[in-house]
Amino acid sequence: MLDQDPRFLMEYWQPKAIFSIARGIDTYLSLNDCTMNKYRGFFARVLVDTDMLPALPNQILVQKPKFNFITHIEFDKLPPLCSSCKMIGHDISKCKRHPDNL
């Protein structure tokens, strides 16, 4: 999600601009209906495909000619990631490869 920053002007609420910003996170897939239909709230919701192994960012720098700002990012609905085998879909307590669970 991209926070509605006081400097987050209406031009940034267009799908093309939101996708451009989301590319800074990783591969964007889609916008939710409220964001796509410009039913503007306090954030834009974008579905992204990203690598969960490195730490996920909590902010992103938005750059335009003569105008830059940082906006906050939150990830929600993340699937469980096992810290032992690094596979998505379970946590370490249910890992069949972890020695404590054998």
C-alpha atoms as a PDB file:
ATOM      1  CA  MET A   1       0.000   0.000   0.000  1.00  0.00           C
ATOM      2  CA  LEU A   2       1.188   3.498  -0.675  1.00  0.00           C
ATOM      3  CA  ASP A   3       0.340   6.076   1.954  1.00  0.00           C
ATOM      4  CA  GLN A   4      -1.492   9.210   0.991  1.00  0.00           C
ATOM      5  CA  ASP A   5       1.289  11.677   1.581  1.00  0.00           C
ATOM      6  CA  PRO A   6       0.304  15.380   1.551  1.00  0.00           C
ATOM      7  CA  ARG A   7       2.602  15.624  -1.454  1.00  0.00           C
ATOM      8  CA  PHE A   8       1.045  12.523  -3.057  1.00  0.00           C
ATOM      9  CA  LEU A   9      -0.781  14.521  -5.700  1.00  0.00           C
ATOM     10  CA  MET A  10      -3.769  13.358  -7.730  1.00  0.00           C
ATOM     11  CA  GLU A  11      -1.486  12.578 -10.674  1.00  0.00           C
ATOM     12  CA  TYR A  12      -0.009   9.723  -8.616  1.00  0.00           C
ATOM     13  CA  TRP A  13      -3.419   8.108  -8.124  1.00  0.00           C
ATOM     14  CA  GLN A  14      -3.593   7.109 -11.801  1.00  0.00           C
ATOM     15  CA  PRO A  15      -2.998   3.369 -12.416  1.00  0.00           C
ATOM     16  CA  LYS A  16       0.037   4.057 -14.631  1.00  0.00           C
ATOM     17  CA  ALA A  17       1.699   6.120 -11.881  1.00  0.00           C
ATOM     18  CA  ILE A  18       0.853   3.600  -9.145  1.00  0.00           C
ATOM     19  CA  PHE A  19       2.296   0.757 -11.234  1.00  0.00           C
ATOM     20  CA  SER A  20       5.423   2.809 -11.884  1.00  0.00           C
ATOM     21  CA  ILE A  21       5.886   3.252  -8.128  1.00  0.00           C
ATOM     22  CA  ALA A  22       5.087  -0.422  -7.437  1.00  0.00           C
ATOM     23  CA  ARG A  23       7.851  -1.447  -9.863  1.00  0.00           C
ATOM     24  CA  GLY A  24      10.241  -0.095  -7.230  1.00  0.00           C
ATOM     25  CA  ILE A  25       9.047  -2.903  -4.943  1.00  0.00           C
ATOM     26  CA  ASP A  26       8.995  -5.729  -7.503  1.00  0.00           C
ATOM     27  CA  THR A  27       6.717  -7.098 -10.213  1.00  0.00           C
ATOM     28  CA  TYR A  28       3.262  -5.542  -9.982  1.00  0.00           C
ATOM     29  CA  LEU A  29       0.274  -7.683 -10.903  1.00  0.00           C
ATOM     30  CA  SER A  30      -2.892  -5.656 -10.355  1.00  0.00           C
ATOM     31  CA  LEU A  31      -4.708  -2.920  -8.437  1.00  0.00           C
ATOM     32  CA  ASN A  32      -7.677  -3.598  -6.224  1.00  0.00           C
ATOM     33  CA  ASP A  33     -11.114  -2.410  -7.414  1.00  0.00           C
ATOM     34  CA  CYS A  34     -11.301   0.649  -5.136  1.00  0.00           C
ATOM     35  CA  THR A  35      -7.926   1.908  -6.320  1.00  0.00           C
ATOM     36  CA  MET A  36      -8.641   1.107  -9.982  1.00  0.00           C
ATOM     37  CA  ASN A  37     -12.022   2.882  -9.875  1.00  0.00           C
ATOM     38  CA  LYS A  38     -10.430   5.906  -8.195  1.00  0.00           C
ATOM     39  CA  TYR A  39     -12.539   5.493  -5.073  1.00  0.00           C
ATOM     40  CA  ARG A  40      -9.723   7.136  -3.206  1.00  0.00           C
ATOM     41  CA  GLY A  41      -9.199   6.436   0.438  1.00  0.00           C
ATOM     42  CA  PHE A  42      -5.978   6.831   2.331  1.00  0.00           C
ATOM     43  CA  PHE A  43      -3.907   4.282   0.444  1.00  0.00           C
ATOM     44  CA  ALA A  44      -3.530   2.491  -2.872  1.00  0.00           C
ATOM     45  CA  ARG A  45      -3.540  -1.301  -2.784  1.00  0.00           C
ATOM     46  CA  VAL A  46      -1.350  -3.103  -5.323  1.00  0.00           C
ATOM     47  CA  LEU A  47      -0.786  -6.833  -5.709  1.00  0.00           C
ATOM     48  CA  VAL A  48       2.936  -7.480  -6.209  1.00  0.00           C
ATOM     49  CA  ASP A  49       4.958 -10.617  -6.784  1.00  0.00           C
ATOM     50  CA  THR A  50       8.107 -10.308  -4.706  1.00  0.00           C
ATOM     51  CA  ASP A  51      10.883 -12.368  -3.174  1.00  0.00           C
ATOM     52  CA  MET A  52      10.083 -12.805   0.509  1.00  0.00           C
ATOM     53  CA  LEU A  53      13.534 -13.988   1.599  1.00  0.00           C
ATOM     54  CA  PRO A  54      15.227 -10.600   1.842  1.00  0.00           C
ATOM     55  CA  ALA A  55      13.710  -8.090   4.239  1.00  0.00           C
ATOM     56  CA  LEU A  56      10.687  -6.394   2.682  1.00  0.00           C
ATOM     57  CA  PRO A  57      10.975  -2.603   2.426  1.00  0.00           C
ATOM     58  CA  ASN A  58       8.785  -0.339   4.569  1.00  0.00           C
ATOM     59  CA  GLN A  59       9.216   2.738   2.392  1.00  0.00           C
ATOM     60  CA  ILE A  60      10.030   3.696  -1.174  1.00  0.00           C
ATOM     61  CA  LEU A  61      11.532   6.753  -2.805  1.00  0.00           C
ATOM     62  CA  VAL A  62       9.272   8.277  -5.473  1.00  0.00           C
ATOM     63  CA  GLN A  63      11.265  10.287  -8.001  1.00  0.00           C
ATOM     64  CA  LYS A  64      10.025  12.781 -10.555  1.00  0.00           C
ATOM     65  CA  PRO A  65      11.975  15.530 -12.265  1.00  0.00           C
ATOM     66  CA  LYS A  66      12.594  18.232  -9.638  1.00  0.00           C
ATOM     67  CA  PHE A  67      10.401  16.423  -7.079  1.00  0.00           C
ATOM     68  CA  ASN A  68      11.224  13.442  -4.835  1.00  0.00           C
ATOM     69  CA  PHE A  69       9.581  12.091  -1.720  1.00  0.00           C
ATOM     70  CA  ILE A  70       9.494   8.931   0.383  1.00  0.00           C
ATOM     71  CA  THR A  71       6.223   7.123   0.977  1.00  0.00           C
ATOM     72  CA  HIS A  72       5.411   4.342   3.436  1.00  0.00           C
ATOM     73  CA  ILE A  73       4.719   0.744   2.314  1.00  0.00           C
ATOM     74  CA  GLU A  74       2.849  -1.961   4.200  1.00  0.00           C
ATOM     75  CA  PHE A  75       2.559  -5.584   3.152  1.00  0.00           C
ATOM     76  CA  ASP A  76      -0.557  -7.460   4.184  1.00  0.00           C
ATOM     77  CA  LYS A  77      -1.891 -10.957   3.609  1.00  0.00           C
ATOM     78  CA  LEU A  78       1.609 -12.424   3.440  1.00  0.00           C
ATOM     79  CA  PRO A  79       1.694 -16.223   3.372  1.00  0.00           C
ATOM     80  CA  PRO A  80       3.709 -18.015   6.059  1.00  0.00           C
ATOM     81  CA  LEU A  81       7.420 -18.406   5.263  1.00  0.00           C
ATOM     82  CA  CYS A  82       9.474 -21.113   6.955  1.00  0.00           C
ATOM     83  CA  SER A  83      12.683 -19.722   8.426  1.00  0.00           C
ATOM     84  CA  SER A  84      14.227 -23.198   8.295  1.00  0.00           C
ATOM     85  CA  CYS A  85      13.657 -24.505   4.735  1.00  0.00           C
ATOM     86  CA  LYS A  86      12.746 -21.089   3.229  1.00  0.00           C
ATOM     87  CA  MET A  87       9.566 -22.464   1.631  1.00  0.00           C
ATOM     88  CA  ILE A  88       6.269 -20.589   1.492  1.00  0.00           C
ATOM     89  CA  GLY A  89       3.157 -22.200   2.952  1.00  0.00           C
ATOM     90  CA  HIS A  90       4.160 -23.198   6.483  1.00  0.00           C
ATOM     91  CA  ASP A  91       6.149 -21.922   9.436  1.00  0.00           C
ATOM     92  CA  ILE A  92       9.026 -23.634  11.247  1.00  0.00           C
ATOM     93  CA  SER A  93       6.727 -25.420  13.720  1.00  0.00           C
ATOM     94  CA  LYS A  94       5.196 -27.409  10.828  1.00  0.00           C
ATOM     95  CA  CYS A  95       8.382 -27.851   8.773  1.00  0.00           C
ATOM     96  CA  LYS A  96       8.935 -31.479   7.788  1.00  0.00           C
ATOM     97  CA  ARG A  97      12.603 -30.761   7.101  1.00  0.00           C
ATOM     98  CA  HIS A  98      13.397 -29.179  10.488  1.00  0.00           C
ATOM     99  CA  PRO A  99      15.200 -31.622  12.840  1.00  0.00           C
ATOM    100  CA  ASP A 100      12.930 -30.797  15.794  1.00  0.00           C
ATOM    101  CA  ASN A 101       9.852 -31.897  13.817  1.00  0.00           C
ATOM    102  CA  LEU A 102      11.172 -35.227  12.478  1.00  0.00           C
END
